[in-house]
PDB file of N, CA and C in Angstrom:
ATOM      1  N   UNK A   1       0.864  -1.159   0.060  1.00  0.00           N
ATOM      2  CA  UNK A   1       0.002   0.029   0.010  1.00  0.00           C
ATOM      3  C   UNK A   1       0.950   1.254  -0.023  1.00  0.00           C
ATOM      4  N   UNK A   2       0.546   2.224  -0.820  1.00  0.00           N
ATOM      5  CA  UNK A   2       1.289   3.329  -0.867  1.00  0.00           C
ATOM      6  C   UNK A   2       1.115   4.365   0.281  1.00  0.00           C
ATOM      7  N   UNK A   3       2.229   4.904   0.677  1.00  0.00           N
ATOM      8  CA  UNK A   3       2.126   5.935   1.788  1.00  0.00           C
ATOM      9  C   UNK A   3       1.565   7.215   1.362  1.00  0.00           C
ATOM     10  N   UNK A   4       0.673   7.767   2.174  1.00  0.00           N
ATOM     11  CA  UNK A   4      -0.052   9.075   1.831  1.00  0.00           C
ATOM     12  C   UNK A   4       0.918  10.077   2.226  1.00  0.00           C
ATOM     13  N   UNK A   5       0.598  11.271   1.525  1.00  0.00           N
ATOM     14  CA  UNK A   5       1.243  12.530   1.796  1.00  0.00           C
ATOM     15  C   UNK A   5       1.209  12.924   3.306  1.00  0.00           C
ATOM     16  N   UNK A   6      -0.034  12.668   3.781  1.00  0.00           N
ATOM     17  CA  UNK A   6      -0.148  13.003   5.401  1.00  0.00           C
ATOM     18  C   UNK A   6       0.745  12.099   6.208  1.00  0.00           C
ATOM     19  N   UNK A   7       0.849  10.857   5.879  1.00  0.00           N
ATOM     20  CA  UNK A   7       1.834  10.029   6.630  1.00  0.00           C
ATOM     21  C   UNK A   7       3.184  10.394   6.421  1.00  0.00           C
ATOM     22  N   UNK A   8       3.452  10.829   5.237  1.00  0.00           N
ATOM     23  CA  UNK A   8       4.943  11.458   5.127  1.00  0.00           C
ATOM     24  C   UNK A   8       5.132  12.565   5.890  1.00  0.00           C
ATOM     25  N   UNK A   9       4.145  13.499   5.890  1.00  0.00           N
ATOM     26  CA  UNK A   9       4.358  14.787   6.520  1.00  0.00           C
ATOM     27  C   UNK A   9       4.517  14.502   8.100  1.00  0.00           C
ATOM     28  N   UNK A  10       3.787  13.535   8.614  1.00  0.00           N
ATOM     29  CA  UNK A  10       3.699  13.109   9.982  1.00  0.00           C
ATOM     30  C   UNK A  10       5.206  12.881  10.508  1.00  0.00           C
ATOM     31  N   UNK A  11       5.980  12.321   9.589  1.00  0.00           N
ATOM     32  CA  UNK A  11       7.280  11.759  10.025  1.00  0.00           C
ATOM     33  C   UNK A  11       8.413  12.825  10.075  1.00  0.00           C
ATOM     34  N   UNK A  12       7.989  14.010   9.506  1.00  0.00           N
ATOM     35  CA  UNK A  12       8.888  15.251   9.510  1.00  0.00           C
ATOM     36  C   UNK A  12       8.813  15.746  10.800  1.00  0.00           C
ATOM     37  N   UNK A  13       9.880  16.033  11.521  1.00  0.00           N
ATOM     38  CA  UNK A  13      10.037  16.639  12.787  1.00  0.00           C
ATOM     39  C   UNK A  13       9.496  18.018  12.873  1.00  0.00           C
ATOM     40  N   UNK A  14       9.588  18.835  11.854  1.00  0.00           N
ATOM     41  CA  UNK A  14       9.086  20.104  11.644  1.00  0.00           C
ATOM     42  C   UNK A  14       7.352  20.037  11.865  1.00  0.00           C
ATOM     43  N   UNK A  15       6.837  18.980  11.514  1.00  0.00           N
ATOM     44  CA  UNK A  15       5.413  19.054  11.487  1.00  0.00           C
ATOM     45  C   UNK A  15       4.936  18.049  12.614  1.00  0.00           C
ATOM     46  N   UNK A  16       5.797  17.607  13.501  1.00  0.00           N
ATOM     47  CA  UNK A  16       5.423  16.652  14.602  1.00  0.00           C
ATOM     48  C   UNK A  16       4.249  17.185  15.390  1.00  0.00           C
ATOM     49  N   UNK A  17       4.231  18.372  15.809  1.00  0.00           N
ATOM     50  CA  UNK A  17       3.248  18.756  16.804  1.00  0.00           C
ATOM     51  C   UNK A  17       1.950  19.215  16.108  1.00  0.00           C
ATOM     52  N   UNK A  18       1.661  19.092  15.010  1.00  0.00           N
ATOM     53  CA  UNK A  18       0.472  19.362  14.110  1.00  0.00           C
ATOM     54  C   UNK A  18      -0.705  18.449  14.229  1.00  0.00           C
ATOM     55  N   UNK A  19      -1.780  18.802  14.313  1.00  0.00           N
ATOM     56  CA  UNK A  19      -2.967  17.957  14.361  1.00  0.00           C
ATOM     57  C   UNK A  19      -3.337  17.788  12.976  1.00  0.00           C
ATOM     58  N   UNK A  20      -4.390  16.804  12.817  1.00  0.00           N
ATOM     59  CA  UNK A  20      -4.937  16.332  11.502  1.00  0.00           C
ATOM     60  C   UNK A  20      -5.482  17.500  10.566  1.00  0.00           C
ATOM     61  N   UNK A  21      -6.045  18.483  11.295  1.00  0.00           N
ATOM     62  CA  UNK A  21      -6.580  19.550  10.484  1.00  0.00           C
ATOM     63  C   UNK A  21      -5.426  20.338   9.964  1.00  0.00           C
ATOM     64  N   UNK A  22      -4.302  20.708  10.577  1.00  0.00           N
ATOM     65  CA  UNK A  22      -3.227  21.462  10.090  1.00  0.00           C
ATOM     66  C   UNK A  22      -2.580  20.732   9.044  1.00  0.00           C
ATOM     67  N   UNK A  23      -2.320  19.372   9.301  1.00  0.00           N
ATOM     68  CA  UNK A  23      -1.617  18.467   8.390  1.00  0.00           C
ATOM     69  C   UNK A  23      -2.357  18.256   7.075  1.00  0.00           C
ATOM     70  N   UNK A  24      -3.585  18.355   7.157  1.00  0.00           N
ATOM     71  CA  UNK A  24      -4.605  18.416   6.005  1.00  0.00           C
ATOM     72  C   UNK A  24      -4.404  19.529   5.037  1.00  0.00           C
ATOM     73  N   UNK A  25      -4.340  20.697   5.817  1.00  0.00           N
ATOM     74  CA  UNK A  25      -4.150  21.885   4.888  1.00  0.00           C
ATOM     75  C   UNK A  25      -2.691  21.977   4.287  1.00  0.00           C
ATOM     76  N   UNK A  26      -1.812  21.606   5.067  1.00  0.00           N
ATOM     77  CA  UNK A  26      -0.325  21.531   4.311  1.00  0.00           C
ATOM     78  C   UNK A  26      -0.423  20.385   3.212  1.00  0.00           C
ATOM     79  N   UNK A  27      -1.033  19.225   3.446  1.00  0.00           N
ATOM     80  CA  UNK A  27      -1.157  18.184   2.583  1.00  0.00           C
ATOM     81  C   UNK A  27      -1.734  18.754   1.051  1.00  0.00           C
ATOM     82  N   UNK A  28      -2.508  19.661   1.196  1.00  0.00           N
ATOM     83  CA  UNK A  28      -3.240  20.191  -0.098  1.00  0.00           C
ATOM     84  C   UNK A  28      -2.180  21.118  -0.880  1.00  0.00           C
ATOM     85  N   UNK A  29      -1.091  21.497  -0.151  1.00  0.00           N
ATOM     86  CA  UNK A  29      -0.110  22.445  -0.827  1.00  0.00           C
ATOM     87  C   UNK A  29       1.115  21.630  -1.440  1.00  0.00           C
ATOM     88  N   UNK A  30       1.378  20.398  -0.935  1.00  0.00           N
ATOM     89  CA  UNK A  30       2.574  19.881  -1.262  1.00  0.00           C
ATOM     90  C   UNK A  30       2.428  18.854  -2.549  1.00  0.00           C
ATOM     91  N   UNK A  31       3.497  18.703  -3.147  1.00  0.00           N
ATOM     92  CA  UNK A  31       3.748  17.790  -4.249  1.00  0.00           C
ATOM     93  C   UNK A  31       4.915  16.960  -3.922  1.00  0.00           C
ATOM     94  N   UNK A  32       4.696  15.644  -4.057  1.00  0.00           N
ATOM     95  CA  UNK A  32       5.849  14.823  -3.781  1.00  0.00           C
ATOM     96  C   UNK A  32       6.641  14.551  -5.147  1.00  0.00           C
ATOM     97  N   UNK A  33       7.846  14.796  -5.103  1.00  0.00           N
ATOM     98  CA  UNK A  33       8.660  14.589  -6.396  1.00  0.00           C
ATOM     99  C   UNK A  33       9.855  13.486  -6.182  1.00  0.00           C
ATOM    100  N   UNK A  34      10.138  13.021  -7.173  1.00  0.00           N
ATOM    101  CA  UNK A  34      11.414  11.975  -7.067  1.00  0.00           C
ATOM    102  C   UNK A  34      12.421  12.615  -8.038  1.00  0.00           C
ATOM    103  N   UNK A  35      13.591  12.683  -7.481  1.00  0.00           N
ATOM    104  CA  UNK A  35      14.744  13.316  -8.321  1.00  0.00           C
ATOM    105  C   UNK A  35      15.999  12.378  -8.278  1.00  0.00           C
ATOM    106  N   UNK A  36      16.777  12.273  -9.297  1.00  0.00           N
ATOM    107  CA  UNK A  36      17.867  11.523  -9.402  1.00  0.00           C
ATOM    108  C   UNK A  36      19.035  12.209  -8.822  1.00  0.00           C
ATOM    109  N   UNK A  37      20.127  11.505  -8.444  1.00  0.00           N
ATOM    110  CA  UNK A  37      21.362  12.120  -8.005  1.00  0.00           C
ATOM    111  C   UNK A  37      21.853  13.182  -8.823  1.00  0.00           C
ATOM    112  N   UNK A  38      22.392  14.267  -8.381  1.00  0.00           N
ATOM    113  CA  UNK A  38      22.967  15.257  -9.150  1.00  0.00           C
ATOM    114  C   UNK A  38      21.875  16.401  -9.547  1.00  0.00           C
ATOM    115  N   UNK A  39      20.833  16.308  -9.151  1.00  0.00           N
ATOM    116  CA  UNK A  39      19.761  17.211  -9.321  1.00  0.00           C
ATOM    117  C   UNK A  39      19.912  18.553  -8.484  1.00  0.00           C
ATOM    118  N   UNK A  40      20.074  19.694  -8.994  1.00  0.00           N
ATOM    119  CA  UNK A  40      20.236  20.998  -8.225  1.00  0.00           C
ATOM    120  C   UNK A  40      18.861  21.454  -7.697  1.00  0.00           C
ATOM    121  N   UNK A  41      18.557  21.475  -6.543  1.00  0.00           N
ATOM    122  CA  UNK A  41      17.327  21.765  -5.919  1.00  0.00           C
ATOM    123  C   UNK A  41      17.225  23.386  -5.775  1.00  0.00           C
ATOM    124  N   UNK A  42      18.359  23.906  -5.340  1.00  0.00           N
ATOM    125  CA  UNK A  42      18.483  25.362  -5.155  1.00  0.00           C
ATOM    126  C   UNK A  42      19.907  25.919  -5.565  1.00  0.00           C
ATOM    127  N   UNK A  43      19.828  27.193  -6.070  1.00  0.00           N
ATOM    128  CA  UNK A  43      21.047  27.688  -6.577  1.00  0.00           C
ATOM    129  C   UNK A  43      21.354  28.944  -5.735  1.00  0.00           C
ATOM    130  N   UNK A  44      22.569  29.106  -5.110  1.00  0.00           N
ATOM    131  CA  UNK A  44      22.826  30.261  -4.299  1.00  0.00           C
ATOM    132  C   UNK A  44      22.752  31.618  -5.069  1.00  0.00           C
ATOM    133  N   UNK A  45      22.169  32.454  -4.443  1.00  0.00           N
ATOM    134  CA  UNK A  45      21.813  33.802  -5.191  1.00  0.00           C
ATOM    135  C   UNK A  45      20.503  33.846  -5.860  1.00  0.00           C
ATOM    136  N   UNK A  46      19.925  32.647  -6.310  1.00  0.00           N
ATOM    137  CA  UNK A  46      18.796  32.755  -7.067  1.00  0.00           C
ATOM    138  C   UNK A  46      17.550  32.942  -6.042  1.00  0.00           C
ATOM    139  N   UNK A  47      16.475  33.481  -6.659  1.00  0.00           N
ATOM    140  CA  UNK A  47      15.134  33.640  -5.728  1.00  0.00           C
ATOM    141  C   UNK A  47      14.440  32.329  -5.929  1.00  0.00           C
ATOM    142  N   UNK A  48      13.741  31.963  -4.980  1.00  0.00           N
ATOM    143  CA  UNK A  48      12.934  30.713  -5.039  1.00  0.00           C
ATOM    144  C   UNK A  48      11.754  30.763  -4.023  1.00  0.00           C
ATOM    145  N   UNK A  49      10.775  30.054  -4.479  1.00  0.00           N
ATOM    146  CA  UNK A  49       9.476  29.913  -3.733  1.00  0.00           C
ATOM    147  C   UNK A  49       9.271  28.441  -3.314  1.00  0.00           C
ATOM    148  N   UNK A  50      10.156  27.650  -3.311  1.00  0.00           N
ATOM    149  CA  UNK A  50       9.980  26.254  -2.901  1.00  0.00           C
ATOM    150  C   UNK A  50      10.734  26.015  -1.518  1.00  0.00           C
ATOM    151  N   UNK A  51       9.990  25.135  -0.921  1.00  0.00           N
ATOM    152  CA  UNK A  51      10.482  24.601   0.519  1.00  0.00           C
ATOM    153  C   UNK A  51      10.437  23.031   0.312  1.00  0.00           C
ATOM    154  N   UNK A  52      11.482  22.541   0.688  1.00  0.00           N
ATOM    155  CA  UNK A  52      11.888  21.178   0.455  1.00  0.00           C
ATOM    156  C   UNK A  52      11.798  20.380   1.837  1.00  0.00           C
ATOM    157  N   UNK A  53      11.209  19.250   1.741  1.00  0.00           N
ATOM    158  CA  UNK A  53      11.281  18.245   3.003  1.00  0.00           C
ATOM    159  C   UNK A  53      11.947  17.008   2.390  1.00  0.00           C
ATOM    160  N   UNK A  54      13.007  16.534   2.950  1.00  0.00           N
ATOM    161  CA  UNK A  54      13.630  15.296   2.464  1.00  0.00           C
ATOM    162  C   UNK A  54      12.930  14.001   3.175  1.00  0.00           C
ATOM    163  N   UNK A  55      12.280  13.238   2.246  1.00  0.00           N
ATOM    164  CA  UNK A  55      11.687  12.069   2.808  1.00  0.00           C
ATOM    165  C   UNK A  55      12.644  10.965   2.622  1.00  0.00           C
ATOM    166  N   UNK A  56      13.405  10.787   1.620  1.00  0.00           N
ATOM    167  CA  UNK A  56      14.502   9.790   1.510  1.00  0.00           C
ATOM    168  C   UNK A  56      15.706  10.394   0.491  1.00  0.00           C
ATOM    169  N   UNK A  57      16.843   9.763   0.843  1.00  0.00           N
ATOM    170  CA  UNK A  57      17.823  10.292   0.009  1.00  0.00           C
ATOM    171  C   UNK A  57      18.829  11.306   0.776  1.00  0.00           C
ATOM    172  N   UNK A  58      19.731  11.895   0.184  1.00  0.00           N
ATOM    173  CA  UNK A  58      20.581  12.900   0.695  1.00  0.00           C
ATOM    174  C   UNK A  58      20.969  14.226  -0.097  1.00  0.00           C
ATOM    175  N   UNK A  59      21.131  15.290   0.374  1.00  0.00           N
ATOM    176  CA  UNK A  59      21.527  16.277  -0.428  1.00  0.00           C
ATOM    177  C   UNK A  59      22.757  16.876   0.123  1.00  0.00           C
ATOM    178  N   UNK A  60      23.594  17.639  -0.558  1.00  0.00           N
ATOM    179  CA  UNK A  60      24.717  18.316  -0.219  1.00  0.00           C
ATOM    180  C   UNK A  60      24.361  19.975  -0.295  1.00  0.00           C
ATOM    181  N   UNK A  61      24.639  20.562   0.789  1.00  0.00           N
ATOM    182  CA  UNK A  61      24.505  21.995   0.859  1.00  0.00           C
ATOM    183  C   UNK A  61      25.893  22.797   0.698  1.00  0.00           C
ATOM    184  N   UNK A  62      25.950  23.593  -0.133  1.00  0.00           N
ATOM    185  CA  UNK A  62      27.151  24.335  -0.446  1.00  0.00           C
ATOM    186  C   UNK A  62      27.074  25.898  -0.533  1.00  0.00           C
ATOM    187  N   UNK A  63      28.005  26.543  -0.072  1.00  0.00           N
ATOM    188  CA  UNK A  63      27.946  28.023  -0.136  1.00  0.00           C
ATOM    189  C   UNK A  63      29.354  28.593  -0.667  1.00  0.00           C
ATOM    190  N   UNK A  64      29.343  29.398  -1.661  1.00  0.00           N
ATOM    191  CA  UNK A  64      30.712  29.838  -2.145  1.00  0.00           C
ATOM    192  C   UNK A  64      31.534  28.622  -2.571  1.00  0.00           C
ATOM    193  N   UNK A  65      31.023  27.647  -2.994  1.00  0.00           N
ATOM    194  CA  UNK A  65      31.728  26.398  -3.551  1.00  0.00           C
ATOM    195  C   UNK A  65      32.314  25.534  -2.367  1.00  0.00           C
ATOM    196  N   UNK A  66      31.928  25.926  -1.031  1.00  0.00           N
ATOM    197  CA  UNK A  66      32.380  25.148  -0.026  1.00  0.00           C
ATOM    198  C   UNK A  66      31.219  24.337   0.539  1.00  0.00           C
ATOM    199  N   UNK A  67      31.586  23.001   0.984  1.00  0.00           N
ATOM    200  CA  UNK A  67      30.557  22.063   1.458  1.00  0.00           C
ATOM    201  C   UNK A  67      30.261  22.559   2.841  1.00  0.00           C
ATOM    202  N   UNK A  68      28.911  22.762   3.131  1.00  0.00           N
ATOM    203  CA  UNK A  68      28.537  23.176   4.470  1.00  0.00           C
ATOM    204  C   UNK A  68      27.840  22.043   5.136  1.00  0.00           C
ATOM    205  N   UNK A  69      27.079  21.286   4.679  1.00  0.00           N
ATOM    206  CA  UNK A  69      26.335  20.330   5.264  1.00  0.00           C
ATOM    207  C   UNK A  69      25.773  19.158   4.295  1.00  0.00           C
ATOM    208  N   UNK A  70      25.412  18.079   4.980  1.00  0.00           N
ATOM    209  CA  UNK A  70      24.731  16.965   4.246  1.00  0.00           C
ATOM    210  C   UNK A  70      23.312  16.901   5.004  1.00  0.00           C
ATOM    211  N   UNK A  71      22.256  16.911   4.332  1.00  0.00           N
ATOM    212  CA  UNK A  71      20.906  16.625   4.834  1.00  0.00           C
ATOM    213  C   UNK A  71      20.441  15.410   4.419  1.00  0.00           C
ATOM    214  N   UNK A  72      19.376  14.788   5.170  1.00  0.00           N
ATOM    215  CA  UNK A  72      18.874  13.583   4.775  1.00  0.00           C
ATOM    216  C   UNK A  72      17.412  13.447   5.286  1.00  0.00           C
ATOM    217  N   UNK A  73      16.856  12.366   5.403  1.00  0.00           N
ATOM    218  CA  UNK A  73      15.305  12.109   5.819  1.00  0.00           C
ATOM    219  C   UNK A  73      15.016  12.862   7.090  1.00  0.00           C
ATOM    220  N   UNK A  74      13.861  13.611   6.925  1.00  0.00           N
ATOM    221  CA  UNK A  74      13.401  14.384   7.958  1.00  0.00           C
ATOM    222  C   UNK A  74      13.949  15.955   8.018  1.00  0.00           C
ATOM    223  N   UNK A  75      14.916  16.204   7.308  1.00  0.00           N
ATOM    224  CA  UNK A  75      15.603  17.464   7.246  1.00  0.00           C
ATOM    225  C   UNK A  75      14.830  18.277   6.165  1.00  0.00           C
ATOM    226  N   UNK A  76      14.877  19.546   6.330  1.00  0.00           N
ATOM    227  CA  UNK A  76      14.130  20.556   5.352  1.00  0.00           C
ATOM    228  C   UNK A  76      15.050  21.566   5.021  1.00  0.00           C
ATOM    229  N   UNK A  77      14.703  22.234   3.798  1.00  0.00           N
ATOM    230  CA  UNK A  77      15.394  23.433   3.316  1.00  0.00           C
ATOM    231  C   UNK A  77      14.645  24.320   2.574  1.00  0.00           C
ATOM    232  N   UNK A  78      14.956  25.641   2.459  1.00  0.00           N
ATOM    233  CA  UNK A  78      14.444  26.540   1.579  1.00  0.00           C
ATOM    234  C   UNK A  78      13.444  27.460   2.358  1.00  0.00           C
ATOM    235  N   UNK A  79      13.319  27.194   3.541  1.00  0.00           N
ATOM    236  CA  UNK A  79      12.469  28.096   4.379  1.00  0.00           C
ATOM    237  C   UNK A  79      12.747  29.547   4.516  1.00  0.00           C
ATOM    238  N   UNK A  80      14.000  29.867   4.550  1.00  0.00           N
ATOM    239  CA  UNK A  80      14.537  31.249   4.767  1.00  0.00           C
ATOM    240  C   UNK A  80      14.148  32.100   3.486  1.00  0.00           C
ATOM    241  N   UNK A  81      14.360  31.621   2.337  1.00  0.00           N
ATOM    242  CA  UNK A  81      13.970  32.366   1.030  1.00  0.00           C
ATOM    243  C   UNK A  81      12.455  32.568   1.080  1.00  0.00           C
ATOM    244  N   UNK A  82      11.841  31.536   1.390  1.00  0.00           N
ATOM    245  CA  UNK A  82      10.306  31.613   1.424  1.00  0.00           C
ATOM    246  C   UNK A  82       9.778  32.589   2.309  1.00  0.00           C
ATOM    247  N   UNK A  83      10.383  32.762   3.589  1.00  0.00           N
ATOM    248  CA  UNK A  83       9.882  33.614   4.520  1.00  0.00           C
ATOM    249  C   UNK A  83      10.227  35.116   4.311  1.00  0.00           C
ATOM    250  N   UNK A  84      11.472  35.364   3.852  1.00  0.00           N
ATOM    251  CA  UNK A  84      12.014  36.743   3.859  1.00  0.00           C
ATOM    252  C   UNK A  84      12.090  37.155   2.263  1.00  0.00           C
ATOM    253  N   UNK A  85      11.877  36.353   1.397  1.00  0.00           N
ATOM    254  CA  UNK A  85      11.782  36.743  -0.046  1.00  0.00           C
ATOM    255  C   UNK A  85      13.253  37.151  -0.600  1.00  0.00           C
ATOM    256  N   UNK A  86      14.206  36.821   0.058  1.00  0.00           N
ATOM    257  CA  UNK A  86      15.592  37.134  -0.347  1.00  0.00           C
ATOM    258  C   UNK A  86      16.252  35.930  -1.190  1.00  0.00           C
ATOM    259  N   UNK A  87      17.214  36.250  -1.895  1.00  0.00           N
ATOM    260  CA  UNK A  87      17.920  35.204  -2.670  1.00  0.00           C
ATOM    261  C   UNK A  87      18.424  33.904  -1.706  1.00  0.00           C
ATOM    262  N   UNK A  88      18.576  32.839  -2.372  1.00  0.00           N
ATOM    263  CA  UNK A  88      18.866  31.602  -1.695  1.00  0.00           C
ATOM    264  C   UNK A  88      20.362  31.825  -1.104  1.00  0.00           C
ATOM    265  N   UNK A  89      20.555  31.280   0.020  1.00  0.00           N
ATOM    266  CA  UNK A  89      21.854  31.434   0.818  1.00  0.00           C
ATOM    267  C   UNK A  89      22.748  30.386   0.457  1.00  0.00           C
ATOM    268  N   UNK A  90      22.250  29.253  -0.274  1.00  0.00           N
ATOM    269  CA  UNK A  90      23.221  28.198  -0.613  1.00  0.00           C
ATOM    270  C   UNK A  90      22.641  27.424  -1.796  1.00  0.00           C
ATOM    271  N   UNK A  91      23.585  26.705  -2.425  1.00  0.00           N
ATOM    272  CA  UNK A  91      23.169  25.644  -3.447  1.00  0.00           C
ATOM    273  C   UNK A  91      22.929  24.358  -2.692  1.00  0.00           C
ATOM    274  N   UNK A  92      21.982  23.771  -3.286  1.00  0.00           N
ATOM    275  CA  UNK A  92      21.619  22.358  -2.631  1.00  0.00           C
ATOM    276  C   UNK A  92      21.468  21.286  -3.879  1.00  0.00           C
ATOM    277  N   UNK A  93      22.200  20.225  -3.777  1.00  0.00           N
ATOM    278  CA  UNK A  93      22.296  19.243  -4.975  1.00  0.00           C
ATOM    279  C   UNK A  93      22.069  17.738  -4.260  1.00  0.00           C
ATOM    280  N   UNK A  94      21.221  17.024  -4.968  1.00  0.00           N
ATOM    281  CA  UNK A  94      21.023  15.626  -4.432  1.00  0.00           C
ATOM    282  C   UNK A  94      22.380  14.868  -4.616  1.00  0.00           C
ATOM    283  N   UNK A  95      22.698  14.115  -3.750  1.00  0.00           N
ATOM    284  CA  UNK A  95      23.818  13.193  -3.890  1.00  0.00           C
ATOM    285  C   UNK A  95      23.374  11.769  -4.016  1.00  0.00           C
ATOM    286  N   UNK A  96      22.255  11.438  -3.977  1.00  0.00           N
ATOM    287  CA  UNK A  96      21.512  10.146  -4.396  1.00  0.00           C
ATOM    288  C   UNK A  96      20.217  10.329  -4.659  1.00  0.00           C
ATOM    289  N   UNK A  97      19.532   9.469  -5.293  1.00  0.00           N
ATOM    290  CA  UNK A  97      18.166   9.535  -5.611  1.00  0.00           C
ATOM    291  C   UNK A  97      17.335   9.909  -4.495  1.00  0.00           C
ATOM    292  N   UNK A  98      16.506  10.903  -4.544  1.00  0.00           N
ATOM    293  CA  UNK A  98      15.857  11.536  -3.245  1.00  0.00           C
ATOM    294  C   UNK A  98      14.435  11.795  -3.676  1.00  0.00           C
TER     295      UNK A  98
END
């Protein structure tokens, strides 16, 4: 049986305290995408309106060509540009299918 978007959202620590009603509202706004390794999700300095939650896989976070962090399941990214409307602070690329 396929996992529902709501079930996936429940597993994300950011949404852990939300009730069914709030999760239902978020569920209506999200799209689940599968991307291969090597996919650029964000580009440093670019404007963006996407917020990403990693359900599976790993991504590399870089700024000024320097590796800052690796993120994996349960981690999220893109919230700062979404909230303040400023350019992305880092580039993020998948290092495995995600």
